[in-house]
Amino acid sequence: MKAPILFAAALATAAGLFVGGAQASDDHDKRFENMPPRAEWMSISALSQKLEAQGYTIREIDTEYGLYEVEMFDANGMRVEAYLHPVTGEPVRRRGYDD
């Protein structure tokens, strides 16, 4: 008899955590809602070439919030993490991350 009650309590807790997380993820920066379609994005290889020409060594390129998220090292070996515009490859300031 205790097992179904414990299972129901665990399920309710998990559902509450999931809903809370979904609400928190809705609080994103509105500047990134109108990003261009994926077909217009700079290719990852073109972005990598652009950054390497600027003296960076690329560790990883990923996408997040409609931007390229790049982990790289500068010419001095310092780790750099940047969010770049998907079409231009230019740095984009993210509220809460850069502040």
PDB file of N, CA and C in Angstrom:
ATOM      1  N   MET A   1       0.821  -1.196   0.000  1.00  0.00           N
ATOM      2  CA  MET A   1       0.000   0.000   0.000  1.00  0.00           C
ATOM      3  C   MET A   1       0.859   1.252   0.000  1.00  0.00           C
ATOM      4  N   LYS A   2       2.018   1.194   0.679  1.00  0.00           N
ATOM      5  CA  LYS A   2       2.878   2.367   0.749  1.00  0.00           C
ATOM      6  C   LYS A   2       3.548   2.651  -0.591  1.00  0.00           C
ATOM      7  N   ALA A   3       3.856   1.631  -1.364  1.00  0.00           N
ATOM      8  CA  ALA A   3       4.566   1.808  -2.626  1.00  0.00           C
ATOM      9  C   ALA A   3       3.796   2.704  -3.599  1.00  0.00           C
ATOM     10  N   PRO A   4       2.474   2.495  -3.815  1.00  0.00           N
ATOM     11  CA  PRO A   4       1.750   3.377  -4.737  1.00  0.00           C
ATOM     12  C   PRO A   4       1.729   4.820  -4.237  1.00  0.00           C
ATOM     13  N   ILE A   5       1.639   5.031  -2.936  1.00  0.00           N
ATOM     14  CA  ILE A   5       1.615   6.391  -2.395  1.00  0.00           C
ATOM     15  C   ILE A   5       2.976   7.053  -2.600  1.00  0.00           C
ATOM     16  N   LEU A   6       4.054   6.322  -2.325  1.00  0.00           N
ATOM     17  CA  LEU A   6       5.389   6.869  -2.519  1.00  0.00           C
ATOM     18  C   LEU A   6       5.649   7.174  -3.992  1.00  0.00           C
ATOM     19  N   PHE A   7       5.195   6.276  -4.864  1.00  0.00           N
ATOM     20  CA  PHE A   7       5.369   6.492  -6.293  1.00  0.00           C
ATOM     21  C   PHE A   7       4.623   7.746  -6.741  1.00  0.00           C
ATOM     22  N   ALA A   8       3.384   7.908  -6.271  1.00  0.00           N
ATOM     23  CA  ALA A   8       2.577   9.081  -6.635  1.00  0.00           C
ATOM     24  C   ALA A   8       3.232  10.362  -6.117  1.00  0.00           C
ATOM     25  N   ALA A   9       3.785  10.330  -4.917  1.00  0.00           N
ATOM     26  CA  ALA A   9       4.448  11.503  -4.354  1.00  0.00           C
ATOM     27  C   ALA A   9       5.708  11.851  -5.155  1.00  0.00           C
ATOM     28  N   ALA A  10       6.467  10.826  -5.521  1.00  0.00           N
ATOM     29  CA  ALA A  10       7.676  11.061  -6.309  1.00  0.00           C
ATOM     30  C   ALA A  10       7.331  11.612  -7.683  1.00  0.00           C
ATOM     31  N   LEU A  11       6.278  11.094  -8.290  1.00  0.00           N
ATOM     32  CA  LEU A  11       5.833  11.558  -9.593  1.00  0.00           C
ATOM     33  C   LEU A  11       5.378  13.015  -9.517  1.00  0.00           C
ATOM     34  N   ALA A  12       4.636  13.359  -8.478  1.00  0.00           N
ATOM     35  CA  ALA A  12       4.166  14.740  -8.308  1.00  0.00           C
ATOM     36  C   ALA A  12       5.342  15.687  -8.110  1.00  0.00           C
ATOM     37  N   THR A  13       6.332  15.269  -7.350  1.00  0.00           N
ATOM     38  CA  THR A  13       7.519  16.094  -7.130  1.00  0.00           C
ATOM     39  C   THR A  13       8.274  16.307  -8.432  1.00  0.00           C
ATOM     40  N   ALA A  14       8.465  15.247  -9.196  1.00  0.00           N
ATOM     41  CA  ALA A  14       9.172  15.346 -10.472  1.00  0.00           C
ATOM     42  C   ALA A  14       8.420  16.255 -11.436  1.00  0.00           C
ATOM     43  N   ALA A  15       7.110  16.148 -11.473  1.00  0.00           N
ATOM     44  CA  ALA A  15       6.303  17.000 -12.344  1.00  0.00           C
ATOM     45  C   ALA A  15       6.438  18.458 -11.926  1.00  0.00           C
ATOM     46  N   GLY A  16       6.441  18.710 -10.635  1.00  0.00           N
ATOM     47  CA  GLY A  16       6.597  20.076 -10.138  1.00  0.00           C
ATOM     48  C   GLY A  16       7.946  20.658 -10.513  1.00  0.00           C
ATOM     49  N   LEU A  17       8.994  19.867 -10.426  1.00  0.00           N
ATOM     50  CA  LEU A  17      10.325  20.341 -10.809  1.00  0.00           C
ATOM     51  C   LEU A  17      10.394  20.610 -12.302  1.00  0.00           C
ATOM     52  N   PHE A  18       9.776  19.748 -13.100  1.00  0.00           N
ATOM     53  CA  PHE A  18       9.767  19.932 -14.547  1.00  0.00           C
ATOM     54  C   PHE A  18       9.041  21.207 -14.929  1.00  0.00           C
ATOM     55  N   VAL A  19       7.871  21.451 -14.348  1.00  0.00           N
ATOM     56  CA  VAL A  19       7.092  22.647 -14.650  1.00  0.00           C
ATOM     57  C   VAL A  19       7.850  23.885 -14.210  1.00  0.00           C
ATOM     58  N   GLY A  20       8.467  23.844 -13.052  1.00  0.00           N
ATOM     59  CA  GLY A  20       9.244  24.978 -12.572  1.00  0.00           C
ATOM     60  C   GLY A  20      10.403  25.284 -13.499  1.00  0.00           C
ATOM     61  N   GLY A  21      11.068  24.254 -13.996  1.00  0.00           N
ATOM     62  CA  GLY A  21      12.168  24.440 -14.931  1.00  0.00           C
ATOM     63  C   GLY A  21      11.689  25.008 -16.250  1.00  0.00           C
ATOM     64  N   ALA A  22      10.528  24.572 -16.706  1.00  0.00           N
ATOM     65  CA  ALA A  22       9.991  25.084 -17.960  1.00  0.00           C
ATOM     66  C   ALA A  22       9.655  26.558 -17.827  1.00  0.00           C
ATOM     67  N   GLN A  23       9.128  26.964 -16.682  1.00  0.00           N
ATOM     68  CA  GLN A  23       8.816  28.369 -16.481  1.00  0.00           C
ATOM     69  C   GLN A  23      10.093  29.190 -16.443  1.00  0.00           C
ATOM     70  N   ALA A  24      11.121  28.698 -15.814  1.00  0.00           N
ATOM     71  CA  ALA A  24      12.376  29.434 -15.733  1.00  0.00           C
ATOM     72  C   ALA A  24      13.001  29.589 -17.110  1.00  0.00           C
ATOM     73  N   SER A  25      12.878  28.585 -17.964  1.00  0.00           N
ATOM     74  CA  SER A  25      13.493  28.670 -19.281  1.00  0.00           C
ATOM     75  C   SER A  25      12.765  29.657 -20.183  1.00  0.00           C
ATOM     76  N   ASP A  26      11.518  30.020 -19.867  1.00  0.00           N
ATOM     77  CA  ASP A  26      10.794  31.000 -20.656  1.00  0.00           C
ATOM     78  C   ASP A  26      11.328  32.413 -20.444  1.00  0.00           C
ATOM     79  N   ASP A  27      12.140  32.616 -19.404  1.00  0.00           N
ATOM     80  CA  ASP A  27      12.680  33.922 -19.083  1.00  0.00           C
ATOM     81  C   ASP A  27      13.990  34.128 -19.842  1.00  0.00           C
ATOM     82  N   HIS A  28      13.902  34.255 -21.165  1.00  0.00           N
ATOM     83  CA  HIS A  28      15.102  34.435 -21.974  1.00  0.00           C
ATOM     84  C   HIS A  28      15.151  35.842 -22.539  1.00  0.00           C
ATOM     85  N   ASP A  29      16.267  36.214 -23.070  1.00  0.00           N
ATOM     86  CA  ASP A  29      16.495  37.542 -23.603  1.00  0.00           C
ATOM     87  C   ASP A  29      15.692  37.717 -24.892  1.00  0.00           C
ATOM     88  N   LYS A  30      14.828  38.698 -24.946  1.00  0.00           N
ATOM     89  CA  LYS A  30      13.938  38.917 -26.090  1.00  0.00           C
ATOM     90  C   LYS A  30      14.702  39.351 -27.346  1.00  0.00           C
ATOM     91  N   ARG A  31      15.962  39.805 -27.212  1.00  0.00           N
ATOM     92  CA  ARG A  31      16.722  40.238 -28.380  1.00  0.00           C
ATOM     93  C   ARG A  31      16.992  39.101 -29.347  1.00  0.00           C
ATOM     94  N   PHE A  32      16.903  37.855 -28.903  1.00  0.00           N
ATOM     95  CA  PHE A  32      17.283  36.721 -29.733  1.00  0.00           C
ATOM     96  C   PHE A  32      16.086  36.027 -30.369  1.00  0.00           C
ATOM     97  N   GLU A  33      14.902  36.591 -30.225  1.00  0.00           N
ATOM     98  CA  GLU A  33      13.705  35.938 -30.766  1.00  0.00           C
ATOM     99  C   GLU A  33      13.625  36.047 -32.283  1.00  0.00           C
ATOM    100  N   ASN A  34      14.146  37.113 -32.865  1.00  0.00           N
ATOM    101  CA  ASN A  34      13.997  37.349 -34.300  1.00  0.00           C
ATOM    102  C   ASN A  34      15.277  37.071 -35.067  1.00  0.00           C
ATOM    103  N   MET A  35      15.970  36.024 -34.699  1.00  0.00           N
ATOM    104  CA  MET A  35      17.195  35.668 -35.403  1.00  0.00           C
ATOM    105  C   MET A  35      16.836  35.113 -36.781  1.00  0.00           C
ATOM    106  N   PRO A  36      17.747  35.251 -37.736  1.00  0.00           N
ATOM    107  CA  PRO A  36      17.473  34.769 -39.097  1.00  0.00           C
ATOM    108  C   PRO A  36      17.334  33.257 -39.155  1.00  0.00           C
ATOM    109  N   PRO A  37      16.668  32.766 -40.202  1.00  0.00           N
ATOM    110  CA  PRO A  37      16.499  31.317 -40.352  1.00  0.00           C
ATOM    111  C   PRO A  37      17.849  30.623 -40.513  1.00  0.00           C
ATOM    112  N   ARG A  38      17.892  29.376 -40.159  1.00  0.00           N
ATOM    113  CA  ARG A  38      19.132  28.593 -40.157  1.00  0.00           C
ATOM    114  C   ARG A  38      19.803  28.575 -41.544  1.00  0.00           C
ATOM    115  N   ALA A  39      19.030  28.646 -42.600  1.00  0.00           N
ATOM    116  CA  ALA A  39      19.589  28.619 -43.954  1.00  0.00           C
ATOM    117  C   ALA A  39      20.481  29.833 -44.234  1.00  0.00           C
ATOM    118  N   GLU A  40      20.283  30.920 -43.501  1.00  0.00           N
ATOM    119  CA  GLU A  40      21.069  32.135 -43.704  1.00  0.00           C
ATOM    120  C   GLU A  40      22.317  32.185 -42.815  1.00  0.00           C
ATOM    121  N   TRP A  41      22.472  31.223 -41.915  1.00  0.00           N
ATOM    122  CA  TRP A  41      23.607  31.234 -40.983  1.00  0.00           C
ATOM    123  C   TRP A  41      24.926  30.989 -41.691  1.00  0.00           C
ATOM    124  N   MET A  42      25.986  31.581 -41.157  1.00  0.00           N
ATOM    125  CA  MET A  42      27.342  31.297 -41.593  1.00  0.00           C
ATOM    126  C   MET A  42      27.632  29.837 -41.248  1.00  0.00           C
ATOM    127  N   SER A  43      28.309  29.128 -42.110  1.00  0.00           N
ATOM    128  CA  SER A  43      28.622  27.732 -41.815  1.00  0.00           C
ATOM    129  C   SER A  43      29.631  27.668 -40.662  1.00  0.00           C
ATOM    130  N   ILE A  44      29.646  26.543 -39.984  1.00  0.00           N
ATOM    131  CA  ILE A  44      30.575  26.366 -38.870  1.00  0.00           C
ATOM    132  C   ILE A  44      32.015  26.428 -39.373  1.00  0.00           C
ATOM    133  N   SER A  45      32.270  25.872 -40.549  1.00  0.00           N
ATOM    134  CA  SER A  45      33.641  25.913 -41.076  1.00  0.00           C
ATOM    135  C   SER A  45      34.053  27.348 -41.422  1.00  0.00           C
ATOM    136  N   ALA A  46      33.137  28.149 -41.973  1.00  0.00           N
ATOM    137  CA  ALA A  46      33.455  29.549 -42.285  1.00  0.00           C
ATOM    138  C   ALA A  46      33.691  30.346 -40.993  1.00  0.00           C
ATOM    139  N   LEU A  47      32.872  30.084 -39.978  1.00  0.00           N
ATOM    140  CA  LEU A  47      33.056  30.757 -38.694  1.00  0.00           C
ATOM    141  C   LEU A  47      34.395  30.372 -38.079  1.00  0.00           C
ATOM    142  N   SER A  48      34.727  29.101 -38.144  1.00  0.00           N
ATOM    143  CA  SER A  48      35.996  28.611 -37.608  1.00  0.00           C
ATOM    144  C   SER A  48      37.177  29.259 -38.330  1.00  0.00           C
ATOM    145  N   GLN A  49      37.103  29.349 -39.649  1.00  0.00           N
ATOM    146  CA  GLN A  49      38.169  29.973 -40.426  1.00  0.00           C
ATOM    147  C   GLN A  49      38.321  31.447 -40.073  1.00  0.00           C
ATOM    148  N   LYS A  50      37.199  32.128 -39.898  1.00  0.00           N
ATOM    149  CA  LYS A  50      37.222  33.547 -39.530  1.00  0.00           C
ATOM    150  C   LYS A  50      37.920  33.743 -38.187  1.00  0.00           C
ATOM    151  N   LEU A  51      37.567  32.920 -37.205  1.00  0.00           N
ATOM    152  CA  LEU A  51      38.148  33.055 -35.873  1.00  0.00           C
ATOM    153  C   LEU A  51      39.629  32.668 -35.861  1.00  0.00           C
ATOM    154  N   GLU A  52      39.987  31.625 -36.598  1.00  0.00           N
ATOM    155  CA  GLU A  52      41.387  31.215 -36.677  1.00  0.00           C
ATOM    156  C   GLU A  52      42.241  32.295 -37.344  1.00  0.00           C
ATOM    157  N   ALA A  53      41.672  33.003 -38.328  1.00  0.00           N
ATOM    158  CA  ALA A  53      42.383  34.111 -38.974  1.00  0.00           C
ATOM    159  C   ALA A  53      42.622  35.258 -37.990  1.00  0.00           C
ATOM    160  N   GLN A  54      41.794  35.349 -36.948  1.00  0.00           N
ATOM    161  CA  GLN A  54      41.960  36.372 -35.910  1.00  0.00           C
ATOM    162  C   GLN A  54      42.901  35.903 -34.802  1.00  0.00           C
ATOM    163  N   GLY A  55      43.441  34.695 -34.921  1.00  0.00           N
ATOM    164  CA  GLY A  55      44.423  34.205 -33.962  1.00  0.00           C
ATOM    165  C   GLY A  55      43.884  33.278 -32.889  1.00  0.00           C
ATOM    166  N   TYR A  56      42.634  32.841 -33.009  1.00  0.00           N
ATOM    167  CA  TYR A  56      42.039  31.942 -32.018  1.00  0.00           C
ATOM    168  C   TYR A  56      42.252  30.481 -32.400  1.00  0.00           C
ATOM    169  N   THR A  57      42.330  29.639 -31.403  1.00  0.00           N
ATOM    170  CA  THR A  57      42.331  28.195 -31.585  1.00  0.00           C
ATOM    171  C   THR A  57      40.979  27.692 -31.095  1.00  0.00           C
ATOM    172  N   ILE A  58      40.207  27.081 -31.952  1.00  0.00           N
ATOM    173  CA  ILE A  58      38.844  26.672 -31.636  1.00  0.00           C
ATOM    174  C   ILE A  58      38.855  25.362 -30.866  1.00  0.00           C
ATOM    175  N   ARG A  59      38.090  25.335 -29.794  1.00  0.00           N
ATOM    176  CA  ARG A  59      37.918  24.105 -29.014  1.00  0.00           C
ATOM    177  C   ARG A  59      36.580  23.463 -29.345  1.00  0.00           C
ATOM    178  N   GLU A  60      35.507  24.290 -29.371  1.00  0.00           N
ATOM    179  CA  GLU A  60      34.158  23.757 -29.624  1.00  0.00           C
ATOM    180  C   GLU A  60      33.257  24.870 -30.140  1.00  0.00           C
ATOM    181  N   ILE A  61      32.410  24.533 -31.094  1.00  0.00           N
ATOM    182  CA  ILE A  61      31.381  25.447 -31.583  1.00  0.00           C
ATOM    183  C   ILE A  61      30.048  24.743 -31.435  1.00  0.00           C
ATOM    184  N   ASP A  62      29.116  25.417 -30.767  1.00  0.00           N
ATOM    185  CA  ASP A  62      27.789  24.860 -30.520  1.00  0.00           C
ATOM    186  C   ASP A  62      26.772  25.961 -30.786  1.00  0.00           C
ATOM    187  N   THR A  63      25.490  25.647 -30.719  1.00  0.00           N
ATOM    188  CA  THR A  63      24.456  26.671 -30.836  1.00  0.00           C
ATOM    189  C   THR A  63      23.664  26.737 -29.545  1.00  0.00           C
ATOM    190  N   GLU A  64      23.283  27.954 -29.175  1.00  0.00           N
ATOM    191  CA  GLU A  64      22.477  28.173 -27.981  1.00  0.00           C
ATOM    192  C   GLU A  64      21.720  29.479 -28.156  1.00  0.00           C
ATOM    193  N   TYR A  65      20.413  29.456 -27.889  1.00  0.00           N
ATOM    194  CA  TYR A  65      19.563  30.645 -27.984  1.00  0.00           C
ATOM    195  C   TYR A  65      19.630  31.295 -29.369  1.00  0.00           C
ATOM    196  N   GLY A  66      19.796  30.521 -30.404  1.00  0.00           N
ATOM    197  CA  GLY A  66      19.843  31.068 -31.752  1.00  0.00           C
ATOM    198  C   GLY A  66      21.163  31.739 -32.085  1.00  0.00           C
ATOM    199  N   LEU A  67      22.202  31.465 -31.317  1.00  0.00           N
ATOM    200  CA  LEU A  67      23.530  32.036 -31.533  1.00  0.00           C
ATOM    201  C   LEU A  67      24.558  30.916 -31.598  1.00  0.00           C
ATOM    202  N   TYR A  68      25.727  31.243 -32.133  1.00  0.00           N
ATOM    203  CA  TYR A  68      26.838  30.317 -32.014  1.00  0.00           C
ATOM    204  C   TYR A  68      27.503  30.548 -30.663  1.00  0.00           C
ATOM    205  N   GLU A  69      27.734  29.483 -29.931  1.00  0.00           N
ATOM    206  CA  GLU A  69      28.488  29.536 -28.688  1.00  0.00           C
ATOM    207  C   GLU A  69      29.841  28.899 -28.988  1.00  0.00           C
ATOM    208  N   VAL A  70      30.916  29.670 -28.804  1.00  0.00           N
ATOM    209  CA  VAL A  70      32.238  29.202 -29.185  1.00  0.00           C
ATOM    210  C   VAL A  70      33.154  29.197 -27.967  1.00  0.00           C
ATOM    211  N   GLU A  71      33.803  28.071 -27.756  1.00  0.00           N
ATOM    212  CA  GLU A  71      34.867  27.965 -26.759  1.00  0.00           C
ATOM    213  C   GLU A  71      36.160  27.906 -27.533  1.00  0.00           C
ATOM    214  N   MET A  72      37.103  28.798 -27.171  1.00  0.00           N
ATOM    215  CA  MET A  72      38.347  28.891 -27.921  1.00  0.00           C
ATOM    216  C   MET A  72      39.456  29.424 -27.025  1.00  0.00           C
ATOM    217  N   PHE A  73      40.656  29.442 -27.562  1.00  0.00           N
ATOM    218  CA  PHE A  73      41.818  29.991 -26.868  1.00  0.00           C
ATOM    219  C   PHE A  73      42.396  31.110 -27.724  1.00  0.00           C
ATOM    220  N   ASP A  74      42.778  32.224 -27.065  1.00  0.00           N
ATOM    221  CA  ASP A  74      43.405  33.303 -27.821  1.00  0.00           C
ATOM    222  C   ASP A  74      44.886  32.995 -28.039  1.00  0.00           C
ATOM    223  N   ALA A  75      45.607  33.923 -28.671  1.00  0.00           N
ATOM    224  CA  ALA A  75      47.013  33.697 -29.005  1.00  0.00           C
ATOM    225  C   ALA A  75      47.891  33.511 -27.769  1.00  0.00           C
ATOM    226  N   ASN A  76      47.435  34.011 -26.604  1.00  0.00           N
ATOM    227  CA  ASN A  76      48.186  33.876 -25.354  1.00  0.00           C
ATOM    228  C   ASN A  76      47.807  32.619 -24.586  1.00  0.00           C
ATOM    229  N   GLY A  77      46.920  31.806 -25.142  1.00  0.00           N
ATOM    230  CA  GLY A  77      46.491  30.583 -24.481  1.00  0.00           C
ATOM    231  C   GLY A  77      45.369  30.772 -23.471  1.00  0.00           C
ATOM    232  N   MET A  78      44.775  31.986 -23.415  1.00  0.00           N
ATOM    233  CA  MET A  78      43.677  32.244 -22.493  1.00  0.00           C
ATOM    234  C   MET A  78      42.374  31.705 -23.064  1.00  0.00           C
ATOM    235  N   ARG A  79      41.619  31.012 -22.227  1.00  0.00           N
ATOM    236  CA  ARG A  79      40.329  30.442 -22.645  1.00  0.00           C
ATOM    237  C   ARG A  79      39.322  31.563 -22.830  1.00  0.00           C
ATOM    238  N   VAL A  80      38.602  31.527 -23.941  1.00  0.00           N
ATOM    239  CA  VAL A  80      37.594  32.525 -24.268  1.00  0.00           C
ATOM    240  C   VAL A  80      36.310  31.800 -24.628  1.00  0.00           C
ATOM    241  N   GLU A  81      35.201  32.274 -24.089  1.00  0.00           N
ATOM    242  CA  GLU A  81      33.883  31.764 -24.476  1.00  0.00           C
ATOM    243  C   GLU A  81      33.095  32.944 -25.004  1.00  0.00           C
ATOM    244  N   ALA A  82      32.531  32.795 -26.197  1.00  0.00           N
ATOM    245  CA  ALA A  82      31.825  33.914 -26.819  1.00  0.00           C
ATOM    246  C   ALA A  82      30.538  33.433 -27.466  1.00  0.00           C
ATOM    247  N   TYR A  83      29.566  34.334 -27.505  1.00  0.00           N
ATOM    248  CA  TYR A  83      28.330  34.116 -28.245  1.00  0.00           C
ATOM    249  C   TYR A  83      28.400  35.009 -29.475  1.00  0.00           C
ATOM    250  N   LEU A  84      28.249  34.395 -30.652  1.00  0.00           N
ATOM    251  CA  LEU A  84      28.432  35.101 -31.908  1.00  0.00           C
ATOM    252  C   LEU A  84      27.163  35.078 -32.740  1.00  0.00           C
ATOM    253  N   HIS A  85      26.933  36.179 -33.449  1.00  0.00           N
ATOM    254  CA  HIS A  85      25.769  36.285 -34.328  1.00  0.00           C
ATOM    255  C   HIS A  85      25.887  35.216 -35.409  1.00  0.00           C
ATOM    256  N   PRO A  86      24.817  34.495 -35.699  1.00  0.00           N
ATOM    257  CA  PRO A  86      24.904  33.360 -36.622  1.00  0.00           C
ATOM    258  C   PRO A  86      25.162  33.732 -38.084  1.00  0.00           C
ATOM    259  N   VAL A  87      24.900  34.980 -38.476  1.00  0.00           N
ATOM    260  CA  VAL A  87      25.114  35.384 -39.863  1.00  0.00           C
ATOM    261  C   VAL A  87      26.450  36.104 -40.026  1.00  0.00           C
ATOM    262  N   THR A  88      26.741  37.032 -39.109  1.00  0.00           N
ATOM    263  CA  THR A  88      27.946  37.856 -39.242  1.00  0.00           C
ATOM    264  C   THR A  88      29.154  37.281 -38.512  1.00  0.00           C
ATOM    265  N   GLY A  89      28.930  36.465 -37.500  1.00  0.00           N
ATOM    266  CA  GLY A  89      30.021  35.950 -36.691  1.00  0.00           C
ATOM    267  C   GLY A  89      30.556  36.959 -35.697  1.00  0.00           C
ATOM    268  N   GLU A  90      29.873  38.081 -35.549  1.00  0.00           N
ATOM    269  CA  GLU A  90      30.303  39.123 -34.620  1.00  0.00           C
ATOM    270  C   GLU A  90      29.810  38.804 -33.207  1.00  0.00           C
ATOM    271  N   PRO A  91      30.566  39.209 -32.186  1.00  0.00           N
ATOM    272  CA  PRO A  91      30.149  38.955 -30.793  1.00  0.00           C
ATOM    273  C   PRO A  91      28.814  39.614 -30.472  1.00  0.00           C
ATOM    274  N   VAL A  92      28.008  38.909 -29.678  1.00  0.00           N
ATOM    275  CA  VAL A  92      26.711  39.411 -29.232  1.00  0.00           C
ATOM    276  C   VAL A  92      26.737  39.420 -27.710  1.00  0.00           C
ATOM    277  N   ARG A  93      26.401  40.530 -27.119  1.00  0.00           N
ATOM    278  CA  ARG A  93      26.377  40.644 -25.671  1.00  0.00           C
ATOM    279  C   ARG A  93      25.104  39.993 -25.148  1.00  0.00           C
ATOM    280  N   ARG A  94      25.270  39.120 -24.144  1.00  0.00           N
ATOM    281  CA  ARG A  94      24.132  38.449 -23.505  1.00  0.00           C
ATOM    282  C   ARG A  94      23.980  38.982 -22.102  1.00  0.00           C
ATOM    283  N   ARG A  95      22.822  39.475 -21.793  1.00  0.00           N
ATOM    284  CA  ARG A  95      22.533  39.984 -20.453  1.00  0.00           C
ATOM    285  C   ARG A  95      22.657  38.858 -19.450  1.00  0.00           C
ATOM    286  N   GLY A  96      23.307  39.117 -18.340  1.00  0.00           N
ATOM    287  CA  GLY A  96      23.456  38.123 -17.293  1.00  0.00           C
ATOM    288  C   GLY A  96      24.701  37.290 -17.443  1.00  0.00           C
ATOM    289  N   TYR A  97      25.233  37.213 -18.644  1.00  0.00           N
ATOM    290  CA  TYR A  97      26.445  36.429 -18.851  1.00  0.00           C
ATOM    291  C   TYR A  97      27.662  37.345 -18.851  1.00  0.00           C
ATOM    292  N   ASP A  98      27.538  38.468 -19.555  1.00  0.00           N
ATOM    293  CA  ASP A  98      28.653  39.402 -19.682  1.00  0.00           C
ATOM    294  C   ASP A  98      28.694  40.415 -18.550  1.00  0.00           C
ATOM    295  N   ASP A  99      27.618  40.540 -17.800  1.00  0.00           N
ATOM    296  CA  ASP A  99      27.558  41.544 -16.726  1.00  0.00           C
ATOM    297  C   ASP A  99      28.315  41.122 -15.501  1.00  0.00           C
TER     298      ASP A  99
END
